[in-house]
């Protein structure tokens, strides 16, 4: 059986699979867990394995990509300022 083709956004996001994410959905509501893959029923959603037990939720895939790309940018900025 053939694997489904990844969309461009999924390809961008795939390098962040198994990384931790802490995202504030709205004031007072935080999602903490690991990005574990893509929702099988909606290609534009990322599956997050919550830190507290076996709970899972989904976030928009673009939100997850923006989060990780922002984290990388912050790390690169920190490295540049320490030089």
N, C-alpha and C. Protein backbone atom coordinates (compact mmCIF):
# COMPACT_ATOMS: atom_id res chain seq x y z
N UNK A 1 0.84 -1.17 0.00
CA UNK A 1 0.00 0.00 0.00
C UNK A 1 0.89 1.24 0.00
N UNK A 2 0.58 2.20 -0.81
CA UNK A 2 1.38 3.41 -0.93
C UNK A 2 1.13 4.36 0.24
N UNK A 3 2.21 5.00 0.68
CA UNK A 3 2.09 6.04 1.69
C UNK A 3 1.49 7.28 1.05
N UNK A 4 0.63 7.99 1.77
CA UNK A 4 0.08 9.22 1.20
C UNK A 4 1.19 10.26 1.03
N UNK A 5 1.06 11.07 -0.01
CA UNK A 5 2.04 12.14 -0.26
C UNK A 5 1.84 13.23 0.77
N UNK A 6 2.94 13.77 1.27
CA UNK A 6 2.86 14.87 2.22
C UNK A 6 2.65 16.18 1.48
N UNK A 7 1.87 17.05 2.09
CA UNK A 7 1.72 18.40 1.53
C UNK A 7 3.00 19.17 1.84
N UNK A 8 3.15 20.32 1.24
CA UNK A 8 4.32 21.15 1.49
C UNK A 8 4.44 21.53 2.96
N UNK A 9 3.32 21.87 3.57
CA UNK A 9 3.32 22.25 4.98
C UNK A 9 3.68 21.05 5.86
N UNK A 10 3.18 19.88 5.51
CA UNK A 10 3.53 18.67 6.27
C UNK A 10 5.02 18.36 6.14
N UNK A 11 5.59 18.58 4.97
CA UNK A 11 7.03 18.37 4.80
C UNK A 11 7.82 19.32 5.69
N UNK A 12 7.39 20.59 5.74
CA UNK A 12 8.06 21.55 6.63
C UNK A 12 7.95 21.12 8.08
N UNK A 13 6.79 20.62 8.46
CA UNK A 13 6.53 20.25 9.85
C UNK A 13 7.20 18.93 10.23
N UNK A 14 7.43 18.05 9.29
CA UNK A 14 7.91 16.71 9.61
C UNK A 14 9.24 16.70 10.36
N UNK A 15 10.07 17.72 10.18
CA UNK A 15 11.35 17.74 10.90
C UNK A 15 11.17 18.06 12.39
N UNK A 16 9.98 18.45 12.80
CA UNK A 16 9.71 18.78 14.20
C UNK A 16 8.98 17.67 14.95
N UNK A 17 8.69 16.56 14.28
CA UNK A 17 7.99 15.45 14.93
C UNK A 17 8.83 14.96 16.11
N UNK A 18 8.16 14.66 17.20
CA UNK A 18 8.75 14.21 18.47
C UNK A 18 9.41 15.32 19.26
N UNK A 19 9.17 16.57 18.90
CA UNK A 19 9.69 17.69 19.68
C UNK A 19 8.60 18.21 20.61
N UNK A 20 9.05 18.75 21.74
CA UNK A 20 8.13 19.28 22.74
C UNK A 20 7.58 20.62 22.29
N UNK A 21 6.33 20.88 22.65
CA UNK A 21 5.68 22.14 22.33
C UNK A 21 4.90 22.61 23.57
N UNK A 22 5.00 23.90 23.83
CA UNK A 22 4.21 24.54 24.90
C UNK A 22 3.58 25.76 24.25
N UNK A 23 2.30 25.69 24.00
CA UNK A 23 1.60 26.72 23.23
C UNK A 23 0.40 27.24 24.01
N UNK A 24 0.32 28.56 24.11
CA UNK A 24 -0.82 29.16 24.79
C UNK A 24 -1.94 29.37 23.78
N UNK A 25 -3.03 28.62 23.95
CA UNK A 25 -4.17 28.68 23.05
C UNK A 25 -4.93 29.98 23.26
N UNK A 26 -5.19 30.30 24.52
CA UNK A 26 -5.83 31.56 24.92
C UNK A 26 -5.41 31.81 26.36
N UNK A 27 -5.64 33.00 26.87
CA UNK A 27 -5.20 33.29 28.24
C UNK A 27 -5.71 32.24 29.23
N UNK A 28 -4.77 31.70 29.97
CA UNK A 28 -5.12 30.70 30.98
C UNK A 28 -5.23 29.28 30.45
N UNK A 29 -5.08 29.07 29.15
CA UNK A 29 -5.18 27.72 28.57
C UNK A 29 -3.91 27.41 27.79
N UNK A 30 -3.13 26.48 28.33
CA UNK A 30 -1.85 26.12 27.74
C UNK A 30 -1.91 24.67 27.26
N UNK A 31 -1.32 24.43 26.10
CA UNK A 31 -1.17 23.06 25.59
C UNK A 31 0.31 22.73 25.69
N UNK A 32 0.63 21.67 26.44
CA UNK A 32 2.00 21.22 26.57
C UNK A 32 2.05 19.74 26.21
N UNK A 33 2.99 19.40 25.35
CA UNK A 33 3.12 18.01 24.94
C UNK A 33 4.17 17.87 23.85
N UNK A 34 4.02 16.83 23.05
CA UNK A 34 4.94 16.55 21.95
C UNK A 34 4.14 16.46 20.65
N UNK A 35 4.69 17.07 19.63
CA UNK A 35 4.12 16.97 18.29
C UNK A 35 4.46 15.58 17.78
N UNK A 36 3.44 14.74 17.57
CA UNK A 36 3.71 13.35 17.21
C UNK A 36 3.34 12.98 15.78
N UNK A 37 2.72 13.90 15.04
CA UNK A 37 2.38 13.58 13.66
C UNK A 37 1.19 14.36 13.17
N UNK A 38 0.59 13.84 12.13
CA UNK A 38 -0.48 14.53 11.43
C UNK A 38 -1.82 13.82 11.65
N UNK A 39 -2.87 14.59 11.75
CA UNK A 39 -4.22 14.06 11.88
C UNK A 39 -4.59 13.33 10.59
N UNK A 40 -5.05 12.11 10.72
CA UNK A 40 -5.39 11.31 9.53
C UNK A 40 -6.68 11.79 8.86
N UNK A 41 -7.54 12.48 9.61
CA UNK A 41 -8.82 12.92 9.03
C UNK A 41 -8.78 14.35 8.51
N UNK A 42 -7.76 15.13 8.89
CA UNK A 42 -7.66 16.51 8.45
C UNK A 42 -6.19 16.85 8.24
N UNK A 43 -5.76 16.98 7.00
CA UNK A 43 -4.34 17.16 6.69
C UNK A 43 -3.77 18.47 7.20
N UNK A 44 -4.62 19.40 7.61
CA UNK A 44 -4.15 20.69 8.11
C UNK A 44 -4.05 20.74 9.63
N UNK A 45 -4.09 19.59 10.29
CA UNK A 45 -4.01 19.54 11.76
C UNK A 45 -2.83 18.69 12.21
N UNK A 46 -2.19 19.13 13.28
CA UNK A 46 -1.09 18.39 13.90
C UNK A 46 -1.61 17.72 15.17
N UNK A 47 -1.14 16.51 15.43
CA UNK A 47 -1.53 15.80 16.63
C UNK A 47 -0.49 16.06 17.72
N UNK A 48 -0.99 16.48 18.89
CA UNK A 48 -0.12 16.75 20.03
C UNK A 48 -0.44 15.74 21.13
N UNK A 49 0.58 14.99 21.55
CA UNK A 49 0.46 14.07 22.68
C UNK A 49 0.68 14.89 23.93
N UNK A 50 -0.35 15.03 24.74
CA UNK A 50 -0.29 15.88 25.92
C UNK A 50 0.68 15.31 26.95
N UNK A 51 1.27 16.19 27.72
CA UNK A 51 2.22 15.78 28.76
C UNK A 51 1.54 15.00 29.87
N UNK A 52 0.25 15.25 30.09
CA UNK A 52 -0.46 14.59 31.18
C UNK A 52 -1.17 13.33 30.70
N UNK A 53 -0.47 12.23 30.74
CA UNK A 53 -1.02 10.91 30.43
C UNK A 53 -1.23 10.66 28.94
N UNK A 54 -2.34 10.02 28.60
CA UNK A 54 -2.56 9.55 27.24
C UNK A 54 -3.44 10.48 26.42
N UNK A 55 -3.67 11.69 26.90
CA UNK A 55 -4.53 12.63 26.18
C UNK A 55 -3.83 13.15 24.93
N UNK A 56 -4.62 13.35 23.90
CA UNK A 56 -4.14 13.93 22.65
C UNK A 56 -5.07 15.05 22.24
N UNK A 57 -4.53 16.00 21.52
CA UNK A 57 -5.33 17.07 20.94
C UNK A 57 -4.73 17.40 19.59
N UNK A 58 -5.41 18.26 18.85
CA UNK A 58 -4.85 18.71 17.58
C UNK A 58 -4.77 20.23 17.59
N UNK A 59 -3.82 20.72 16.83
CA UNK A 59 -3.65 22.15 16.60
C UNK A 59 -3.53 22.36 15.10
N UNK A 60 -3.84 23.55 14.63
CA UNK A 60 -3.60 23.81 13.21
C UNK A 60 -2.11 23.58 12.89
N UNK A 61 -1.86 22.91 11.80
CA UNK A 61 -0.49 22.58 11.42
C UNK A 61 0.37 23.83 11.25
N UNK A 62 -0.21 24.88 10.69
CA UNK A 62 0.54 26.13 10.50
C UNK A 62 0.96 26.72 11.84
N UNK A 63 0.12 26.60 12.85
CA UNK A 63 0.46 27.08 14.20
C UNK A 63 1.69 26.36 14.72
N UNK A 64 1.72 25.05 14.54
CA UNK A 64 2.85 24.25 15.01
C UNK A 64 4.13 24.62 14.26
N UNK A 65 4.04 24.76 12.95
CA UNK A 65 5.22 25.14 12.16
C UNK A 65 5.72 26.52 12.60
N UNK A 66 4.81 27.47 12.74
CA UNK A 66 5.21 28.81 13.18
C UNK A 66 5.85 28.77 14.56
N UNK A 67 5.32 27.95 15.45
CA UNK A 67 5.87 27.82 16.80
C UNK A 67 7.32 27.34 16.72
N UNK A 68 7.55 26.24 16.02
CA UNK A 68 8.90 25.68 15.97
C UNK A 68 9.87 26.56 15.20
N UNK A 69 9.41 27.16 14.13
CA UNK A 69 10.30 28.06 13.39
C UNK A 69 10.62 29.28 14.23
N UNK A 70 9.69 29.74 15.04
CA UNK A 70 9.96 30.85 15.96
C UNK A 70 10.93 30.46 17.05
N UNK A 71 10.82 29.23 17.57
CA UNK A 71 11.74 28.74 18.59
C UNK A 71 13.15 28.66 18.01
N UNK A 72 13.28 28.16 16.78
CA UNK A 72 14.60 28.08 16.14
C UNK A 72 15.18 29.48 15.94
N UNK A 73 14.34 30.43 15.52
CA UNK A 73 14.81 31.80 15.33
C UNK A 73 15.31 32.38 16.65
N UNK A 74 14.57 32.12 17.75
CA UNK A 74 14.98 32.60 19.06
C UNK A 74 16.31 32.00 19.47
N UNK A 75 16.49 30.69 19.23
CA UNK A 75 17.75 30.02 19.57
C UNK A 75 18.90 30.59 18.75
N UNK A 76 18.67 30.85 17.47
CA UNK A 76 19.71 31.43 16.62
C UNK A 76 20.05 32.83 17.08
N UNK A 77 19.06 33.62 17.46
CA UNK A 77 19.30 34.97 17.96
C UNK A 77 20.13 34.92 19.24
N UNK A 78 19.80 33.97 20.14
CA UNK A 78 20.55 33.82 21.39
C UNK A 78 21.99 33.45 21.11
N UNK A 79 22.22 32.56 20.15
CA UNK A 79 23.58 32.15 19.81
C UNK A 79 24.37 33.32 19.24
N UNK A 80 23.73 34.15 18.44
CA UNK A 80 24.42 35.31 17.86
C UNK A 80 24.78 36.34 18.92
N UNK A 81 23.91 36.54 19.90
CA UNK A 81 24.19 37.56 20.92
C UNK A 81 25.25 37.09 21.91
N UNK A 82 25.48 35.78 22.01
CA UNK A 82 26.50 35.26 22.92
C UNK A 82 27.90 35.28 22.29
N UNK A 83 27.99 35.52 21.01
CA UNK A 83 29.29 35.52 20.33
C UNK A 83 30.06 36.79 20.59
